[in-house]
Amino acid sequence: MKRPSLIGFDFDGTIADSILHCYRAMCGVFNDSHIAPPALRDYVRDFHLGGAKDFYAKRGVKGDVSWVGETFNKYFRAHVEAKPITLFPDTIGTFERLTGLQVGFGIVSSQSQGVVNECLSRDWKSMGNSIRFLCTDVPNKATTLREVRTALGMDGL
């Protein structure tokens, strides 16, 4: 089998154990809107089905996408400060092995790069420029491999 030239990893729930941070930040958006937040199981089940905008709008949150994103990030950062996010076991080891094999990799996330950077441990930061990012404050992910490769600066791989 041919070795891949590029691997993209989602951040929340894939490499970072952040589901409770995300849930608590989502609750902050609902609380600021004076609406009872959904239960954790409903959040986990429903959030990624239609994207952030649909998730909030269907439940009565009136703020635009920018307000929702800013409010979410404010609460997310506060929860990260109170209890830093941990990476899942052997994440750093996996990235070190990929680097040794000369396989490109990056994070593809709807989280902003600033939020992702704030969550990274010292071990992760020690990897320096090995990691590339495709992050956005807008809750839409890249839809094609070409977009991901271009955004990660790996067109030639």
N, C-alpha and C. Protein backbone atom coordinates (compact mmCIF):
# COMPACT_ATOMS: atom_id res chain seq x y z
N MET A 1 0.83 -1.17 0.00
CA MET A 1 0.00 0.00 0.00
C MET A 1 0.89 1.25 0.00
N LYS A 2 0.50 2.26 -0.78
CA LYS A 2 1.25 3.50 -0.88
C LYS A 2 1.05 4.34 0.39
N ARG A 3 2.11 4.91 0.88
CA ARG A 3 2.07 5.78 2.06
C ARG A 3 1.36 7.09 1.69
N PRO A 4 0.46 7.59 2.55
CA PRO A 4 -0.20 8.87 2.25
C PRO A 4 0.81 10.01 2.32
N SER A 5 0.55 11.06 1.57
CA SER A 5 1.42 12.23 1.60
C SER A 5 0.90 13.30 2.56
N LEU A 6 -0.38 13.21 2.90
CA LEU A 6 -1.00 14.22 3.74
C LEU A 6 -2.12 13.60 4.56
N ILE A 7 -2.16 13.92 5.84
CA ILE A 7 -3.24 13.49 6.71
C ILE A 7 -3.77 14.71 7.44
N GLY A 8 -5.07 14.92 7.40
CA GLY A 8 -5.71 16.02 8.12
C GLY A 8 -6.46 15.46 9.33
N PHE A 9 -6.31 16.12 10.46
CA PHE A 9 -6.97 15.71 11.68
C PHE A 9 -7.94 16.79 12.14
N ASP A 10 -9.15 16.41 12.50
CA ASP A 10 -10.06 17.33 13.16
C ASP A 10 -9.50 17.56 14.56
N PHE A 11 -9.88 18.65 15.18
CA PHE A 11 -9.35 18.97 16.50
C PHE A 11 -10.26 18.43 17.61
N ASP A 12 -11.45 19.02 17.74
CA ASP A 12 -12.35 18.67 18.85
C ASP A 12 -12.85 17.23 18.75
N GLY A 13 -12.52 16.45 19.76
CA GLY A 13 -13.01 15.08 19.83
C GLY A 13 -12.20 14.08 19.02
N THR A 14 -11.24 14.54 18.24
CA THR A 14 -10.39 13.64 17.47
C THR A 14 -9.00 13.56 18.06
N ILE A 15 -8.33 14.72 18.17
CA ILE A 15 -7.03 14.72 18.82
C ILE A 15 -7.09 15.37 20.20
N ALA A 16 -8.13 16.18 20.42
CA ALA A 16 -8.26 16.90 21.70
C ALA A 16 -9.53 16.44 22.43
N ASP A 17 -9.36 16.16 23.71
CA ASP A 17 -10.49 15.75 24.56
C ASP A 17 -11.21 17.01 25.02
N SER A 18 -12.01 17.58 24.13
CA SER A 18 -12.58 18.90 24.35
C SER A 18 -14.10 18.96 24.35
N ILE A 19 -14.77 17.84 24.32
CA ILE A 19 -16.22 17.85 24.17
C ILE A 19 -16.90 18.61 25.30
N LEU A 20 -16.43 18.45 26.55
CA LEU A 20 -17.07 19.18 27.65
C LEU A 20 -16.79 20.67 27.58
N HIS A 21 -15.62 21.06 27.11
CA HIS A 21 -15.32 22.48 26.91
C HIS A 21 -16.27 23.07 25.86
N CYS A 22 -16.44 22.34 24.76
CA CYS A 22 -17.33 22.80 23.70
C CYS A 22 -18.77 22.88 24.20
N TYR A 23 -19.19 21.86 24.94
CA TYR A 23 -20.56 21.85 25.46
C TYR A 23 -20.80 23.03 26.40
N ARG A 24 -19.86 23.28 27.30
CA ARG A 24 -20.02 24.39 28.25
C ARG A 24 -20.02 25.74 27.53
N ALA A 25 -19.21 25.87 26.49
CA ALA A 25 -19.21 27.11 25.70
C ALA A 25 -20.54 27.27 24.98
N MET A 26 -21.08 26.19 24.44
CA MET A 26 -22.39 26.23 23.79
C MET A 26 -23.46 26.65 24.79
N CYS A 27 -23.37 26.14 26.02
CA CYS A 27 -24.33 26.53 27.07
C CYS A 27 -24.24 28.03 27.33
N GLY A 28 -23.04 28.59 27.28
CA GLY A 28 -22.88 30.03 27.45
C GLY A 28 -23.62 30.83 26.39
N VAL A 29 -23.57 30.37 25.15
CA VAL A 29 -24.31 31.04 24.06
C VAL A 29 -25.80 31.01 24.37
N PHE A 30 -26.32 29.87 24.78
CA PHE A 30 -27.75 29.76 25.10
C PHE A 30 -28.10 30.61 26.31
N ASN A 31 -27.27 30.58 27.35
CA ASN A 31 -27.55 31.36 28.55
C ASN A 31 -27.57 32.85 28.24
N ASP A 32 -26.62 33.33 27.41
CA ASP A 32 -26.61 34.74 27.01
C ASP A 32 -27.83 35.10 26.17
N SER A 33 -28.44 34.10 25.55
CA SER A 33 -29.66 34.31 24.75
C SER A 33 -30.93 34.10 25.58
N HIS A 34 -30.75 33.79 26.86
CA HIS A 34 -31.88 33.54 27.78
C HIS A 34 -32.74 32.36 27.32
N ILE A 35 -32.04 31.33 26.85
CA ILE A 35 -32.68 30.10 26.40
C ILE A 35 -32.00 28.94 27.11
N ALA A 36 -32.81 27.98 27.59
CA ALA A 36 -32.23 26.80 28.24
C ALA A 36 -31.43 26.00 27.22
N PRO A 37 -30.18 25.66 27.54
CA PRO A 37 -29.37 24.88 26.59
C PRO A 37 -29.85 23.44 26.50
N PRO A 38 -29.60 22.80 25.35
CA PRO A 38 -29.95 21.38 25.23
C PRO A 38 -29.04 20.52 26.11
N ALA A 39 -29.47 19.32 26.36
CA ALA A 39 -28.67 18.36 27.14
C ALA A 39 -27.42 17.97 26.34
N LEU A 40 -26.41 17.53 27.07
CA LEU A 40 -25.15 17.11 26.44
C LEU A 40 -25.40 16.08 25.34
N ARG A 41 -26.23 15.09 25.59
CA ARG A 41 -26.46 14.04 24.58
C ARG A 41 -27.07 14.63 23.31
N ASP A 42 -27.95 15.64 23.45
CA ASP A 42 -28.56 16.28 22.28
C ASP A 42 -27.53 17.11 21.53
N TYR A 43 -26.66 17.78 22.27
CA TYR A 43 -25.59 18.55 21.64
C TYR A 43 -24.68 17.64 20.82
N VAL A 44 -24.24 16.55 21.44
CA VAL A 44 -23.35 15.61 20.74
C VAL A 44 -24.04 15.04 19.50
N ARG A 45 -25.30 14.70 19.62
CA ARG A 45 -26.03 14.08 18.52
C ARG A 45 -26.33 15.07 17.39
N ASP A 46 -26.70 16.29 17.72
CA ASP A 46 -27.27 17.21 16.73
C ASP A 46 -26.33 18.27 16.18
N PHE A 47 -25.28 18.61 16.90
CA PHE A 47 -24.50 19.79 16.53
C PHE A 47 -23.92 19.70 15.12
N HIS A 48 -23.33 18.59 14.75
CA HIS A 48 -22.64 18.50 13.47
C HIS A 48 -23.56 18.14 12.30
N LEU A 49 -24.83 17.90 12.58
CA LEU A 49 -25.74 17.52 11.49
C LEU A 49 -26.01 18.66 10.52
N GLY A 50 -26.17 19.87 11.05
CA GLY A 50 -26.48 20.98 10.15
C GLY A 50 -25.54 22.16 10.29
N GLY A 51 -24.51 22.01 11.07
CA GLY A 51 -23.59 23.11 11.30
C GLY A 51 -24.06 23.98 12.45
N ALA A 52 -23.16 24.83 12.89
CA ALA A 52 -23.43 25.66 14.07
C ALA A 52 -24.62 26.58 13.86
N LYS A 53 -24.69 27.22 12.70
CA LYS A 53 -25.77 28.18 12.46
C LYS A 53 -27.13 27.53 12.62
N ASP A 54 -27.33 26.39 11.97
CA ASP A 54 -28.61 25.70 12.06
C ASP A 54 -28.87 25.19 13.47
N PHE A 55 -27.84 24.70 14.14
CA PHE A 55 -27.99 24.17 15.49
C PHE A 55 -28.55 25.24 16.43
N TYR A 56 -27.98 26.42 16.39
CA TYR A 56 -28.42 27.50 17.28
C TYR A 56 -29.75 28.08 16.82
N ALA A 57 -29.89 28.36 15.53
CA ALA A 57 -31.11 28.98 15.02
C ALA A 57 -32.35 28.11 15.26
N LYS A 58 -32.21 26.79 15.06
CA LYS A 58 -33.35 25.89 15.27
C LYS A 58 -33.81 25.86 16.72
N ARG A 59 -32.95 26.31 17.62
CA ARG A 59 -33.29 26.30 19.05
C ARG A 59 -33.58 27.70 19.58
N GLY A 60 -33.73 28.67 18.67
CA GLY A 60 -34.19 29.99 19.06
C GLY A 60 -33.14 31.04 19.32
N VAL A 61 -31.86 30.73 19.11
CA VAL A 61 -30.81 31.73 19.29
C VAL A 61 -30.88 32.69 18.11
N LYS A 62 -31.02 33.98 18.41
CA LYS A 62 -31.24 34.99 17.36
C LYS A 62 -29.97 35.65 16.86
N GLY A 63 -28.85 35.48 17.54
CA GLY A 63 -27.62 36.14 17.13
C GLY A 63 -27.13 35.67 15.78
N ASP A 64 -26.39 36.56 15.07
CA ASP A 64 -25.82 36.16 13.78
C ASP A 64 -24.61 35.27 14.02
N VAL A 65 -24.05 34.74 12.95
CA VAL A 65 -22.94 33.79 13.04
C VAL A 65 -21.75 34.40 13.78
N SER A 66 -21.45 35.68 13.52
CA SER A 66 -20.32 36.33 14.19
C SER A 66 -20.53 36.40 15.69
N TRP A 67 -21.72 36.80 16.11
CA TRP A 67 -22.01 36.90 17.55
C TRP A 67 -21.93 35.53 18.21
N VAL A 68 -22.51 34.53 17.57
CA VAL A 68 -22.46 33.17 18.12
C VAL A 68 -21.01 32.72 18.25
N GLY A 69 -20.21 32.92 17.21
CA GLY A 69 -18.81 32.52 17.25
C GLY A 69 -18.01 33.24 18.32
N GLU A 70 -18.19 34.55 18.42
CA GLU A 70 -17.48 35.33 19.44
C GLU A 70 -17.89 34.92 20.85
N THR A 71 -19.18 34.71 21.04
CA THR A 71 -19.68 34.31 22.36
C THR A 71 -19.19 32.92 22.72
N PHE A 72 -19.27 31.99 21.77
CA PHE A 72 -18.77 30.64 21.99
C PHE A 72 -17.29 30.69 22.37
N ASN A 73 -16.48 31.42 21.59
CA ASN A 73 -15.04 31.49 21.84
C ASN A 73 -14.73 32.10 23.20
N LYS A 74 -15.51 33.10 23.61
CA LYS A 74 -15.31 33.72 24.93
C LYS A 74 -15.47 32.67 26.03
N TYR A 75 -16.54 31.90 25.96
CA TYR A 75 -16.77 30.87 26.98
C TYR A 75 -15.79 29.71 26.85
N PHE A 76 -15.47 29.34 25.62
CA PHE A 76 -14.53 28.25 25.39
C PHE A 76 -13.18 28.59 26.02
N ARG A 77 -12.70 29.80 25.76
CA ARG A 77 -11.40 30.22 26.33
C ARG A 77 -11.44 30.22 27.85
N ALA A 78 -12.55 30.68 28.43
CA ALA A 78 -12.68 30.70 29.89
C ALA A 78 -12.61 29.29 30.46
N HIS A 79 -13.24 28.34 29.79
CA HIS A 79 -13.21 26.95 30.27
C HIS A 79 -11.83 26.33 30.09
N VAL A 80 -11.15 26.70 29.01
CA VAL A 80 -9.79 26.20 28.79
C VAL A 80 -8.84 26.75 29.85
N GLU A 81 -9.02 28.03 30.21
CA GLU A 81 -8.19 28.61 31.27
C GLU A 81 -8.40 27.90 32.59
N ALA A 82 -9.67 27.59 32.89
CA ALA A 82 -10.00 26.92 34.15
C ALA A 82 -9.50 25.48 34.18
N LYS A 83 -9.59 24.80 33.04
CA LYS A 83 -9.16 23.39 32.96
C LYS A 83 -8.63 23.15 31.54
N PRO A 84 -7.31 23.18 31.39
CA PRO A 84 -6.74 23.02 30.04
C PRO A 84 -7.19 21.72 29.36
N ILE A 85 -7.33 21.82 28.06
CA ILE A 85 -7.70 20.65 27.25
C ILE A 85 -6.50 19.72 27.16
N THR A 86 -6.77 18.44 27.24
CA THR A 86 -5.72 17.45 27.07
C THR A 86 -5.87 16.79 25.70
N LEU A 87 -4.74 16.38 25.17
CA LEU A 87 -4.76 15.63 23.92
C LEU A 87 -4.99 14.16 24.24
N PHE A 88 -5.61 13.46 23.32
CA PHE A 88 -5.83 12.03 23.53
C PHE A 88 -4.48 11.31 23.59
N PRO A 89 -4.46 10.14 24.25
CA PRO A 89 -3.19 9.41 24.41
C PRO A 89 -2.48 9.17 23.08
N ASP A 90 -1.18 9.37 23.10
CA ASP A 90 -0.24 9.13 22.00
C ASP A 90 -0.45 10.03 20.79
N THR A 91 -1.16 11.15 20.97
CA THR A 91 -1.29 12.10 19.86
C THR A 91 0.07 12.62 19.44
N ILE A 92 0.86 13.07 20.41
CA ILE A 92 2.18 13.62 20.09
C ILE A 92 3.06 12.53 19.47
N GLY A 93 3.01 11.32 20.02
CA GLY A 93 3.79 10.21 19.45
C GLY A 93 3.40 9.92 18.01
N THR A 94 2.12 9.98 17.72
CA THR A 94 1.64 9.77 16.35
C THR A 94 2.20 10.83 15.43
N PHE A 95 2.14 12.09 15.86
CA PHE A 95 2.65 13.18 15.03
C PHE A 95 4.16 13.07 14.85
N GLU A 96 4.87 12.66 15.88
CA GLU A 96 6.32 12.48 15.75
C GLU A 96 6.64 11.36 14.75
N ARG A 97 5.85 10.26 14.80
CA ARG A 97 6.07 9.17 13.84
C ARG A 97 5.78 9.63 12.40
N LEU A 98 4.71 10.40 12.23
CA LEU A 98 4.39 10.92 10.90
C LEU A 98 5.51 11.82 10.38
N THR A 99 6.05 12.67 11.27
CA THR A 99 7.16 13.54 10.88
C THR A 99 8.35 12.70 10.45
N GLY A 100 8.65 11.66 11.21
CA GLY A 100 9.75 10.77 10.87
C GLY A 100 9.55 10.07 9.54
N LEU A 101 8.32 9.80 9.17
CA LEU A 101 8.01 9.16 7.90
C LEU A 101 7.85 10.17 6.76
N GLN A 102 8.01 11.44 7.08
CA GLN A 102 7.86 12.54 6.13
C GLN A 102 6.46 12.59 5.53
N VAL A 103 5.47 12.32 6.38
CA VAL A 103 4.07 12.45 5.99
C VAL A 103 3.57 13.79 6.50
N GLY A 104 3.04 14.61 5.60
CA GLY A 104 2.50 15.90 6.00
C GLY A 104 1.21 15.71 6.78
N PHE A 105 0.98 16.59 7.72
CA PHE A 105 -0.27 16.53 8.47
C PHE A 105 -0.65 17.90 8.97
N GLY A 106 -1.91 18.05 9.28
CA GLY A 106 -2.39 19.33 9.79
C GLY A 106 -3.71 19.17 10.50
N ILE A 107 -4.16 20.28 11.05
CA ILE A 107 -5.44 20.32 11.75
C ILE A 107 -6.43 21.02 10.85
N VAL A 108 -7.55 20.38 10.63
CA VAL A 108 -8.65 20.93 9.85
C VAL A 108 -9.80 21.08 10.83
N SER A 109 -10.16 22.33 11.16
CA SER A 109 -11.14 22.52 12.23
C SER A 109 -11.97 23.76 11.99
N SER A 110 -13.20 23.74 12.47
CA SER A 110 -14.02 24.95 12.44
C SER A 110 -13.68 25.86 13.61
N GLN A 111 -12.85 25.38 14.54
CA GLN A 111 -12.35 26.25 15.60
C GLN A 111 -11.39 27.26 14.97
N SER A 112 -11.28 28.44 15.57
CA SER A 112 -10.29 29.40 15.08
C SER A 112 -8.89 28.91 15.44
N GLN A 113 -7.92 29.31 14.65
CA GLN A 113 -6.55 28.88 14.94
C GLN A 113 -6.11 29.41 16.29
N GLY A 114 -6.57 30.60 16.68
CA GLY A 114 -6.23 31.14 17.99
C GLY A 114 -6.71 30.25 19.11
N VAL A 115 -7.94 29.76 19.00
CA VAL A 115 -8.49 28.86 20.02
C VAL A 115 -7.69 27.56 20.05
N VAL A 116 -7.39 27.01 18.88
CA VAL A 116 -6.62 25.76 18.82
C VAL A 116 -5.24 25.98 19.45
N ASN A 117 -4.58 27.08 19.10
CA ASN A 117 -3.25 27.36 19.67
C ASN A 117 -3.30 27.44 21.19
N GLU A 118 -4.35 28.07 21.74
CA GLU A 118 -4.48 28.19 23.18
C GLU A 118 -4.61 26.84 23.87
N CYS A 119 -5.10 25.87 23.15
CA CYS A 119 -5.36 24.55 23.73
C CYS A 119 -4.16 23.61 23.67
N LEU A 120 -3.15 23.99 22.92
CA LEU A 120 -2.05 23.06 22.69
C LEU A 120 -1.10 23.00 23.88
N SER A 121 -0.70 21.81 24.22
CA SER A 121 0.23 21.61 25.33
C SER A 121 1.65 22.01 24.93
N ARG A 122 2.55 22.10 25.92
CA ARG A 122 3.95 22.41 25.62
C ARG A 122 4.55 21.37 24.69
N ASP A 123 4.18 20.11 24.87
CA ASP A 123 4.71 19.06 23.99
C ASP A 123 4.33 19.32 22.55
N TRP A 124 3.09 19.72 22.36
CA TRP A 124 2.60 19.98 21.00
C TRP A 124 3.35 21.17 20.42
N LYS A 125 3.48 22.24 21.19
CA LYS A 125 4.15 23.44 20.69
C LYS A 125 5.61 23.16 20.34
N SER A 126 6.22 22.18 21.00
CA SER A 126 7.62 21.86 20.72
C SER A 126 7.79 21.29 19.32
N MET A 127 6.70 20.89 18.69
CA MET A 127 6.81 20.36 17.33
C MET A 127 6.98 21.47 16.31
N GLY A 128 6.76 22.70 16.73
CA GLY A 128 7.04 23.86 15.89
C GLY A 128 6.25 23.89 14.60
N ASN A 129 6.96 24.10 13.50
CA ASN A 129 6.32 24.29 12.21
C ASN A 129 5.92 22.99 11.52
N SER A 130 6.03 21.86 12.18
CA SER A 130 5.62 20.60 11.58
C SER A 130 4.11 20.56 11.35
N ILE A 131 3.38 21.33 12.16
CA ILE A 131 1.92 21.28 12.12
C ILE A 131 1.40 22.47 11.33
N ARG A 132 0.48 22.21 10.44
CA ARG A 132 -0.15 23.26 9.67
C ARG A 132 -1.62 23.30 10.05
N PHE A 133 -2.25 24.45 9.81
CA PHE A 133 -3.62 24.63 10.25
C PHE A 133 -4.53 25.05 9.11
N LEU A 134 -5.73 24.53 9.12
CA LEU A 134 -6.83 25.07 8.33
C LEU A 134 -7.96 25.24 9.33
N CYS A 135 -8.02 26.41 9.90
CA CYS A 135 -9.03 26.72 10.90
C CYS A 135 -9.79 27.96 10.44
N THR A 136 -11.00 28.11 10.92
CA THR A 136 -11.79 29.26 10.54
C THR A 136 -12.75 29.62 11.65
N ASP A 137 -13.04 30.90 11.79
CA ASP A 137 -14.03 31.34 12.77
C ASP A 137 -15.44 31.11 12.25
N VAL A 138 -15.57 30.81 10.97
CA VAL A 138 -16.87 30.53 10.38
C VAL A 138 -17.13 29.03 10.46
N PRO A 139 -18.31 28.63 10.92
CA PRO A 139 -18.56 27.18 11.13
C PRO A 139 -18.81 26.39 9.86
N ASN A 140 -17.90 26.49 8.91
CA ASN A 140 -17.96 25.68 7.69
C ASN A 140 -16.59 25.08 7.47
N LYS A 141 -16.53 23.81 7.15
CA LYS A 141 -15.24 23.17 6.92
C LYS A 141 -14.96 23.10 5.42
N ALA A 142 -13.69 22.95 5.09
CA ALA A 142 -13.33 22.78 3.69
C ALA A 142 -14.07 21.58 3.14
N THR A 143 -14.49 21.67 1.89
CA THR A 143 -15.33 20.62 1.34
C THR A 143 -14.61 19.70 0.37
N THR A 144 -13.43 20.06 -0.05
CA THR A 144 -12.72 19.19 -0.99
C THR A 144 -11.29 18.99 -0.53
N LEU A 145 -10.70 17.88 -0.93
CA LEU A 145 -9.30 17.60 -0.61
C LEU A 145 -8.41 18.69 -1.18
N ARG A 146 -8.72 19.19 -2.35
CA ARG A 146 -7.92 20.25 -2.96
C ARG A 146 -7.91 21.50 -2.07
N GLU A 147 -9.06 21.89 -1.51
CA GLU A 147 -9.11 23.05 -0.61
C GLU A 147 -8.25 22.81 0.62
N VAL A 148 -8.31 21.61 1.16
CA VAL A 148 -7.53 21.29 2.34
C VAL A 148 -6.04 21.36 2.01
N ARG A 149 -5.64 20.72 0.93
CA ARG A 149 -4.21 20.72 0.55
C ARG A 149 -3.71 22.13 0.30
N THR A 150 -4.49 22.96 -0.38
CA THR A 150 -4.11 24.34 -0.64
C THR A 150 -4.00 25.12 0.66
N ALA A 151 -4.99 25.01 1.51
CA ALA A 151 -4.99 25.75 2.77
C ALA A 151 -3.85 25.33 3.68
N LEU A 152 -3.46 24.09 3.64
CA LEU A 152 -2.37 23.60 4.46
C LEU A 152 -1.01 23.82 3.80
N GLY A 153 -0.99 24.41 2.59
CA GLY A 153 0.26 24.69 1.91
C GLY A 153 0.96 23.44 1.41
N MET A 154 0.18 22.43 1.05
CA MET A 154 0.77 21.15 0.65
C MET A 154 0.33 20.74 -0.74
N ASP A 155 0.17 21.72 -1.64
CA ASP A 155 -0.28 21.41 -2.99
C ASP A 155 0.65 20.44 -3.71
N GLY A 156 1.94 20.53 -3.47
CA GLY A 156 2.91 19.72 -4.20
C GLY A 156 3.06 18.30 -3.67
N LEU A 157 2.39 17.96 -2.58
CA LEU A 157 2.55 16.61 -2.02
C LEU A 157 1.73 15.60 -2.77
